[in-house]
Amino acid sequence: MTDTMMAYMLKTKEGPLEKLKVNISGDGTKRSNTSNLFVCSFALVEHGQNCLSSSGNHTIAVVKGKEDHDTLRKSLANVIQDVNKLVKDGEIDVDGQMVKLEFFLGGDYKFLLIAMGMKAATTNNSCIWCKIHKNERCNMSHSCEHFASAAMARTIIKSWSKQTGCHSDPFFQIPIDNVVLDELHLMLRITDRLEQGLILDILKWDTDDNYSKPSSRKTHDHLDALLKAFCSLGVSLSVYKVTDGKWEWTSLLGREKKILLRKLPSLFEQILPPSKVENTRQLWTNFRELLEMMNKEKISEDDITTFERKTKPLSDHLARWDRMVILAIRFLSEQPTVKEMLQRPDRAGSQNGGADPTVELNKFI
């Protein structure tokens, strides 16, 4: 890796070098049901936007296998050794000049957890930077100082593997403050949730409209309006039913998601129930503003304060949506099946004085 880095630095050198920031990142992809690939690369942060493109990222290892701790620890052994030596030395000789180095670790959350020797994201204490319990993640009443306190903040120490949520030492001796979650994957995951909420609201609207109609007269007018709105923005979306009756839809690319964040909120009146328009628009707009702020080249203290203030309502909104889904699933799982209801002596149901499941669900939520 050292030779690859030196060759690239010499090739792109435009003047005297004093210090370089090097980002090490990794990402896995599934090529087929039986084949997986993992790519490890580096980029120079000084190259600005170029370090975000494919031309600015330089592959140092390709692993054919599962993206898990044991596979990557063995397969990346040489890369890990080289990086840790450079981190320890703190500098590199480039054409007779000693250049200081600062290393960063980036990638999606799965890779970062693996590289940090931590357990899966679903475990109780899976935050890389602090020891917050998963049930408290969405509690936005805590200030930043709470997570940075001595009792909560994680530190890279010899007993790292014994800390809650950890099982092994980190691959790289990179300071924890230099471990950065990739913005692209963050954006993809959150916009996935925004799209899911939008599509489910529209499907429910169609279902409500079709409730009393015979099968021959049932339509998907609201879904058609959504697809038409997407198409008008140059984004193609397909929504379809799978064999078990559940709805699924095609995944969108990052550039398509950014188009939707910018332009779709202005079309919400055409595709959403009137009662949903304002809250949904606020949710989408708030996230777009946060994303733009996060991607600014220079961030001030005021930006950080504004970012924290805007994050709280967004997180609270998403957390409430999560709780409603969980409660609804729990409620429905406790309800008798149609067959069981028909076998009851009183034929339970609203027609014969029984409880109306819809009313009960609303009470439960």
Protein backbone atom coordinates (compact mmCIF):
# COMPACT_ATOMS: atom_id res chain seq x y z
CA MET A 1 0.00 0.00 0.00
CA THR A 2 2.86 2.39 0.82
CA ASP A 3 4.25 2.12 -2.73
CA THR A 4 0.79 2.71 -4.23
CA MET A 5 0.26 5.79 -2.08
CA MET A 6 3.69 7.24 -2.88
CA ALA A 7 3.21 6.71 -6.62
CA TYR A 8 -0.14 8.49 -6.53
CA MET A 9 1.24 11.38 -4.46
CA LEU A 10 4.08 11.88 -6.94
CA LYS A 11 1.66 11.76 -9.86
CA THR A 12 -0.69 14.37 -8.40
CA LYS A 13 1.90 16.56 -6.70
CA GLU A 14 1.44 20.23 -7.64
CA GLY A 15 3.75 21.88 -5.13
CA PRO A 16 5.43 21.40 -1.75
CA LEU A 17 3.58 18.93 0.46
CA GLU A 18 3.38 19.55 4.21
CA LYS A 19 0.56 17.33 5.42
CA LEU A 20 -1.84 14.92 3.78
CA LYS A 21 -5.13 13.56 5.08
CA VAL A 22 -5.68 9.98 3.92
CA ASN A 23 -9.11 8.36 4.07
CA ILE A 24 -9.22 4.55 4.22
CA SER A 25 -12.62 3.13 3.26
CA GLY A 26 -14.25 -0.17 2.43
CA ASP A 27 -17.49 -1.40 0.95
CA GLY A 28 -18.95 -4.81 0.20
CA THR A 29 -21.30 -5.78 -2.60
CA LYS A 30 -23.26 -8.89 -3.45
CA ARG A 31 -22.60 -10.02 -7.01
CA SER A 32 -24.87 -13.06 -6.91
CA ASN A 33 -26.49 -15.44 -4.43
CA THR A 34 -23.14 -17.18 -3.95
CA SER A 35 -20.57 -14.48 -4.71
CA ASN A 36 -19.57 -11.43 -2.66
CA LEU A 37 -16.86 -8.84 -3.22
CA PHE A 38 -15.29 -6.38 -0.80
CA VAL A 39 -13.17 -3.43 -1.99
CA CYS A 40 -10.77 -1.47 0.23
CA SER A 41 -9.46 1.86 -1.09
CA PHE A 42 -7.82 5.13 -0.09
CA ALA A 43 -8.39 8.76 -1.10
CA LEU A 44 -6.62 12.04 -0.34
CA VAL A 45 -9.00 14.47 1.38
CA GLU A 46 -6.99 17.44 0.03
CA HIS A 47 -8.29 16.67 -3.45
CA GLY A 48 -11.72 17.99 -2.47
CA GLN A 49 -14.70 16.75 -4.43
CA ASN A 50 -12.43 14.45 -6.43
CA CYS A 51 -11.98 12.24 -3.38
CA LEU A 52 -15.72 11.51 -3.56
CA SER A 53 -15.55 10.26 -7.14
CA SER A 54 -14.31 6.95 -8.50
CA SER A 55 -11.26 8.67 -10.04
CA GLY A 56 -10.18 9.96 -6.62
CA ASN A 57 -10.44 6.58 -4.87
CA HIS A 58 -7.67 4.06 -5.39
CA THR A 59 -8.16 0.37 -4.74
CA ILE A 60 -5.62 -1.30 -2.47
CA ALA A 61 -7.38 -4.65 -1.94
CA VAL A 62 -10.21 -6.71 -3.41
CA VAL A 63 -11.57 -9.58 -1.35
CA LYS A 64 -13.81 -12.30 -2.74
CA GLY A 65 -15.77 -13.49 0.26
CA LYS A 66 -18.20 -12.49 2.98
CA GLU A 67 -17.97 -9.07 4.55
CA ASP A 68 -17.39 -10.25 8.11
CA HIS A 69 -14.73 -9.73 10.77
CA ASP A 70 -12.75 -12.95 10.35
CA THR A 71 -12.66 -12.80 6.54
CA LEU A 72 -11.52 -9.17 6.41
CA ARG A 73 -9.03 -9.51 9.26
CA LYS A 74 -7.23 -12.33 7.43
CA SER A 75 -7.61 -11.00 3.88
CA LEU A 76 -6.57 -7.43 4.70
CA ALA A 77 -3.69 -8.42 6.99
CA ASN A 78 -1.03 -6.75 4.78
CA VAL A 79 -3.11 -3.59 4.33
CA ILE A 80 -3.80 -3.37 8.07
CA GLN A 81 -0.09 -3.79 8.82
CA ASP A 82 0.94 -1.09 6.31
CA VAL A 83 -1.67 1.42 7.48
CA ASN A 84 -0.82 0.94 11.15
CA LYS A 85 2.89 1.43 10.40
CA LEU A 86 2.13 4.69 8.58
CA VAL A 87 -0.14 5.81 11.42
CA LYS A 88 2.64 5.08 13.92
CA ASP A 89 5.35 6.79 11.83
CA GLY A 90 3.11 9.78 11.15
CA GLU A 91 4.96 10.68 7.95
CA ILE A 92 6.12 9.36 4.59
CA ASP A 93 9.06 10.14 2.30
CA VAL A 94 7.77 11.54 -1.00
CA ASP A 95 10.55 12.30 -3.48
CA GLY A 96 12.99 13.15 -0.69
CA GLN A 97 10.49 15.24 1.28
CA MET A 98 8.99 14.03 4.57
CA VAL A 99 5.23 14.59 4.45
CA LYS A 100 3.11 14.37 7.59
CA LEU A 101 0.11 12.03 7.45
CA GLU A 102 -3.26 11.99 9.18
CA PHE A 103 -5.51 8.98 8.65
CA PHE A 104 -9.30 8.74 8.59
CA LEU A 105 -11.55 5.68 8.41
CA GLY A 106 -14.75 5.86 6.36
CA GLY A 107 -17.41 3.67 4.83
CA ASP A 108 -20.88 2.41 5.59
CA TYR A 109 -21.84 1.48 9.15
CA LYS A 110 -21.44 -2.27 8.62
CA PHE A 111 -17.82 -1.90 7.54
CA LEU A 112 -17.03 0.57 10.32
CA LEU A 113 -18.41 -1.79 12.96
CA ILE A 114 -16.36 -4.67 11.55
CA ALA A 115 -13.19 -2.56 11.33
CA MET A 116 -13.67 -1.34 14.89
CA GLY A 117 -14.11 -4.88 16.24
CA MET A 118 -17.70 -4.21 17.30
CA LYS A 119 -20.86 -6.29 17.29
CA ALA A 120 -23.74 -5.88 14.83
CA ALA A 121 -25.82 -2.70 14.53
CA THR A 122 -28.81 -4.44 16.14
CA THR A 123 -27.02 -5.06 19.47
CA ASN A 124 -27.67 -2.96 22.56
CA ASN A 125 -24.54 -0.78 22.43
CA SER A 126 -23.55 -0.50 18.78
CA CYS A 127 -22.66 3.19 18.57
CA ILE A 128 -19.01 3.53 17.57
CA TRP A 129 -18.46 6.84 19.37
CA CYS A 130 -20.36 6.33 22.64
CA LYS A 131 -21.97 3.66 24.82
CA ILE A 132 -25.59 4.76 24.35
CA HIS A 133 -28.15 1.95 24.60
CA LYS A 134 -30.18 1.33 21.45
CA ASN A 135 -33.43 2.21 23.26
CA GLU A 136 -32.01 5.68 23.97
CA ARG A 137 -30.72 6.47 20.48
CA CYS A 138 -33.79 8.48 19.53
CA ASN A 139 -33.97 10.34 22.84
CA MET A 140 -33.16 13.81 21.56
CA SER A 141 -33.41 15.45 24.99
CA HIS A 142 -29.71 14.72 25.56
CA SER A 143 -27.17 17.38 24.59
CA CYS A 144 -23.94 16.71 22.70
CA GLU A 145 -22.07 17.12 25.99
CA HIS A 146 -23.91 14.07 27.37
CA PHE A 147 -22.51 11.79 24.65
CA ALA A 148 -19.02 13.29 24.98
CA SER A 149 -18.91 12.81 28.77
CA ALA A 150 -16.34 10.48 30.31
CA ALA A 151 -19.03 7.96 31.25
CA MET A 152 -20.45 7.76 27.72
CA ALA A 153 -17.68 8.45 25.21
CA ARG A 154 -15.62 5.58 23.83
CA THR A 155 -11.83 5.81 23.76
CA ILE A 156 -9.28 3.65 21.95
CA ILE A 157 -7.59 1.82 24.83
CA LYS A 158 -5.91 -1.55 25.29
CA SER A 159 -9.07 -3.01 26.81
CA TRP A 160 -11.24 -1.87 23.86
CA SER A 161 -12.42 -5.43 23.18
CA LYS A 162 -13.83 -5.64 26.72
CA GLN A 163 -16.00 -2.55 26.32
CA THR A 164 -19.71 -3.06 25.94
CA GLY A 165 -20.64 -3.68 22.31
CA CYS A 166 -17.10 -4.77 21.33
CA HIS A 167 -15.60 -8.21 20.74
CA SER A 168 -12.15 -7.53 19.20
CA ASP A 169 -9.53 -4.82 18.83
CA PRO A 170 -9.89 -2.39 15.89
CA PHE A 171 -8.12 -3.24 12.63
CA PHE A 172 -6.55 0.21 12.32
CA GLN A 173 -4.91 2.37 14.98
CA ILE A 174 -6.84 5.41 13.77
CA PRO A 175 -8.20 7.83 16.43
CA ILE A 176 -11.91 7.38 17.05
CA ASP A 177 -12.53 11.06 16.25
CA ASN A 178 -11.26 10.30 12.73
CA VAL A 179 -13.79 7.52 12.15
CA VAL A 180 -16.42 9.08 9.88
CA LEU A 181 -19.68 7.60 8.64
CA ASP A 182 -20.03 7.88 4.88
CA GLU A 183 -22.54 10.60 3.92
CA LEU A 184 -23.78 8.74 0.85
CA HIS A 185 -24.85 5.64 2.79
CA LEU A 186 -26.38 7.85 5.49
CA MET A 187 -28.42 9.68 2.84
CA LEU A 188 -29.48 6.43 1.16
CA ARG A 189 -30.76 4.85 4.37
CA ILE A 190 -32.76 7.89 5.51
CA THR A 191 -34.26 8.58 2.09
CA ASP A 192 -35.24 4.89 1.97
CA ARG A 193 -37.35 5.55 5.06
CA LEU A 194 -38.82 8.75 3.64
CA GLU A 195 -39.79 6.97 0.42
CA GLN A 196 -41.25 4.05 2.37
CA GLY A 197 -43.47 6.35 4.43
CA LEU A 198 -44.62 8.21 1.31
CA ILE A 199 -45.45 5.07 -0.69
CA LEU A 200 -47.21 3.34 2.22
CA ASP A 201 -49.37 6.43 2.85
CA ILE A 202 -50.43 6.47 -0.79
CA LEU A 203 -51.11 2.72 -0.91
CA LYS A 204 -53.24 3.04 2.23
CA TRP A 205 -55.14 5.91 0.61
CA ASP A 206 -55.94 3.71 -2.39
CA THR A 207 -56.96 0.85 -0.08
CA ASP A 208 -59.33 3.12 1.86
CA ASP A 209 -60.90 4.42 -1.37
CA ASN A 210 -61.37 0.86 -2.67
CA TYR A 211 -62.75 -0.56 0.58
CA SER A 212 -66.42 -0.66 -0.44
CA LYS A 213 -65.87 -1.18 -4.17
CA PRO A 214 -66.23 -4.50 -5.97
CA SER A 215 -63.01 -5.96 -7.38
CA SER A 216 -63.89 -4.89 -10.92
CA ARG A 217 -64.04 -1.22 -9.90
CA LYS A 218 -60.97 -1.03 -7.69
CA THR A 219 -58.28 1.39 -8.91
CA HIS A 220 -54.86 2.69 -7.93
CA ASP A 221 -55.45 6.33 -8.82
CA HIS A 222 -53.23 7.73 -6.07
CA LEU A 223 -50.38 5.34 -6.83
CA ASP A 224 -50.64 6.27 -10.51
CA ALA A 225 -50.40 9.95 -9.54
CA LEU A 226 -47.25 9.21 -7.53
CA LEU A 227 -45.61 7.35 -10.42
CA LYS A 228 -46.55 10.19 -12.78
CA ALA A 229 -44.97 12.73 -10.40
CA PHE A 230 -41.75 10.69 -10.23
CA CYS A 231 -41.68 10.42 -14.02
CA SER A 232 -42.09 14.19 -14.41
CA LEU A 233 -38.87 14.60 -12.40
CA GLY A 234 -36.97 12.11 -14.57
CA VAL A 235 -37.06 9.35 -11.94
CA SER A 236 -38.37 5.89 -12.79
CA LEU A 237 -40.13 3.93 -10.03
CA SER A 238 -41.99 0.62 -10.16
CA VAL A 239 -44.31 -0.47 -7.33
CA TYR A 240 -45.55 -4.05 -7.41
CA LYS A 241 -47.01 -6.86 -5.32
CA VAL A 242 -44.96 -9.96 -4.56
CA THR A 243 -46.28 -13.50 -4.08
CA ASP A 244 -47.22 -13.05 -0.41
CA GLY A 245 -49.33 -9.98 -1.19
CA LYS A 246 -46.83 -7.45 0.17
CA TRP A 247 -45.88 -4.35 -1.77
CA GLU A 248 -42.33 -3.75 -2.92
CA TRP A 249 -40.69 -1.14 -5.13
CA THR A 250 -37.49 -0.63 -7.07
CA SER A 251 -34.44 0.93 -5.42
CA LEU A 252 -33.31 4.38 -6.51
CA LEU A 253 -29.79 5.66 -7.14
CA GLY A 254 -28.22 8.38 -5.01
CA ARG A 255 -28.59 11.06 -7.71
CA GLU A 256 -32.28 10.15 -8.14
CA LYS A 257 -32.86 10.45 -4.40
CA LYS A 258 -31.26 13.90 -4.37
CA ILE A 259 -33.57 15.00 -7.21
CA LEU A 260 -36.58 13.84 -5.18
CA LEU A 261 -35.38 15.65 -2.06
CA ARG A 262 -35.11 18.91 -4.01
CA LYS A 263 -38.20 18.78 -6.20
CA LEU A 264 -40.79 16.27 -4.97
CA PRO A 265 -42.05 18.27 -1.91
CA SER A 266 -43.51 20.90 -4.28
CA LEU A 267 -45.74 18.16 -5.75
CA PHE A 268 -47.06 16.73 -2.47
CA GLU A 269 -50.46 18.44 -2.91
CA GLN A 270 -50.95 16.37 -6.07
CA ILE A 271 -50.07 12.98 -4.57
CA LEU A 272 -50.83 12.97 -0.82
CA PRO A 273 -53.97 13.23 1.31
CA PRO A 274 -54.42 16.88 2.39
CA SER A 275 -53.90 15.98 6.06
CA LYS A 276 -50.45 14.51 5.29
CA VAL A 277 -49.03 17.22 3.03
CA GLU A 278 -47.58 19.73 5.50
CA ASN A 279 -45.97 17.27 7.92
CA THR A 280 -44.48 15.20 5.11
CA ARG A 281 -43.13 18.28 3.33
CA GLN A 282 -41.55 19.52 6.56
CA LEU A 283 -39.88 16.14 7.12
CA TRP A 284 -38.42 16.01 3.59
CA THR A 285 -37.36 19.66 3.58
CA ASN A 286 -35.69 19.44 6.99
CA PHE A 287 -33.62 16.46 5.92
CA ARG A 288 -32.59 18.14 2.65
CA GLU A 289 -31.41 21.20 4.60
CA LEU A 290 -29.45 19.00 7.01
CA LEU A 291 -27.83 17.16 4.12
CA GLU A 292 -26.80 20.40 2.41
CA MET A 293 -25.38 21.71 5.68
CA MET A 294 -23.47 18.47 6.24
CA ASN A 295 -21.88 18.74 2.79
CA LYS A 296 -20.62 22.30 3.18
CA GLU A 297 -16.85 22.57 2.72
CA LYS A 298 -16.49 24.86 5.73
CA ILE A 299 -18.73 24.43 8.77
CA SER A 300 -18.95 27.09 11.47
CA GLU A 301 -19.96 26.75 15.13
CA ASP A 302 -23.30 28.35 14.22
CA ASP A 303 -23.81 25.66 11.57
CA ILE A 304 -23.22 22.95 14.19
CA THR A 305 -25.74 24.55 16.57
CA THR A 306 -28.31 24.91 13.78
CA PHE A 307 -27.68 21.33 12.66
CA GLU A 308 -28.33 20.00 16.17
CA ARG A 309 -31.49 22.09 16.50
CA LYS A 310 -32.89 20.87 13.18
CA THR A 311 -31.95 17.24 13.86
CA LYS A 312 -34.13 16.92 16.96
CA PRO A 313 -37.58 17.31 15.33
CA LEU A 314 -36.52 15.10 12.42
CA SER A 315 -35.39 12.30 14.75
CA ASP A 316 -38.50 12.64 16.92
CA HIS A 317 -40.72 12.37 13.85
CA LEU A 318 -38.94 9.25 12.57
CA ALA A 319 -38.99 7.70 16.06
CA ARG A 320 -42.77 8.26 16.38
CA TRP A 321 -43.31 6.62 13.00
CA ASP A 322 -41.21 3.64 14.12
CA ARG A 323 -43.20 3.24 17.32
CA MET A 324 -46.51 3.34 15.45
CA VAL A 325 -45.37 0.64 13.04
CA ILE A 326 -44.12 -1.57 15.90
CA LEU A 327 -47.33 -1.11 17.88
CA ALA A 328 -49.47 -1.81 14.83
CA ILE A 329 -47.57 -5.01 14.06
CA ARG A 330 -47.80 -6.11 17.68
CA PHE A 331 -51.52 -5.36 17.78
CA LEU A 332 -52.22 -7.24 14.56
CA SER A 333 -50.16 -10.22 15.70
CA GLU A 334 -52.35 -10.49 18.79
CA GLN A 335 -55.60 -10.45 16.81
CA PRO A 336 -57.34 -13.75 15.99
CA THR A 337 -57.24 -14.96 12.41
CA VAL A 338 -60.35 -14.66 10.22
CA LYS A 339 -60.90 -18.41 10.60
CA GLU A 340 -60.74 -18.18 14.40
CA MET A 341 -63.18 -15.26 14.42
CA LEU A 342 -65.70 -17.14 12.25
CA GLN A 343 -65.52 -20.13 14.60
CA ARG A 344 -66.44 -18.05 17.65
CA PRO A 345 -70.03 -18.40 18.94
CA ASP A 346 -70.60 -14.65 18.75
CA ARG A 347 -68.88 -14.31 15.33
CA ALA A 348 -66.73 -11.53 16.81
CA GLY A 349 -66.81 -8.32 14.83
CA SER A 350 -68.39 -4.93 14.72
CA GLN A 351 -71.52 -6.28 13.01
CA ASN A 352 -72.51 -8.31 16.08
CA GLY A 353 -71.41 -5.98 18.80
CA GLY A 354 -67.77 -7.11 18.85
CA ALA A 355 -64.84 -4.73 18.81
CA ASP A 356 -63.99 -3.01 15.53
CA PRO A 357 -60.30 -3.82 14.94
CA THR A 358 -59.65 -0.42 13.33
CA VAL A 359 -61.03 1.45 16.34
CA GLU A 360 -59.09 -0.77 18.73
CA LEU A 361 -55.87 -0.25 16.78
CA ASN A 362 -56.28 3.53 16.95
CA LYS A 363 -56.78 3.27 20.72
CA PHE A 364 -53.75 1.04 21.03
CA ILE A 365 -51.52 3.49 19.14
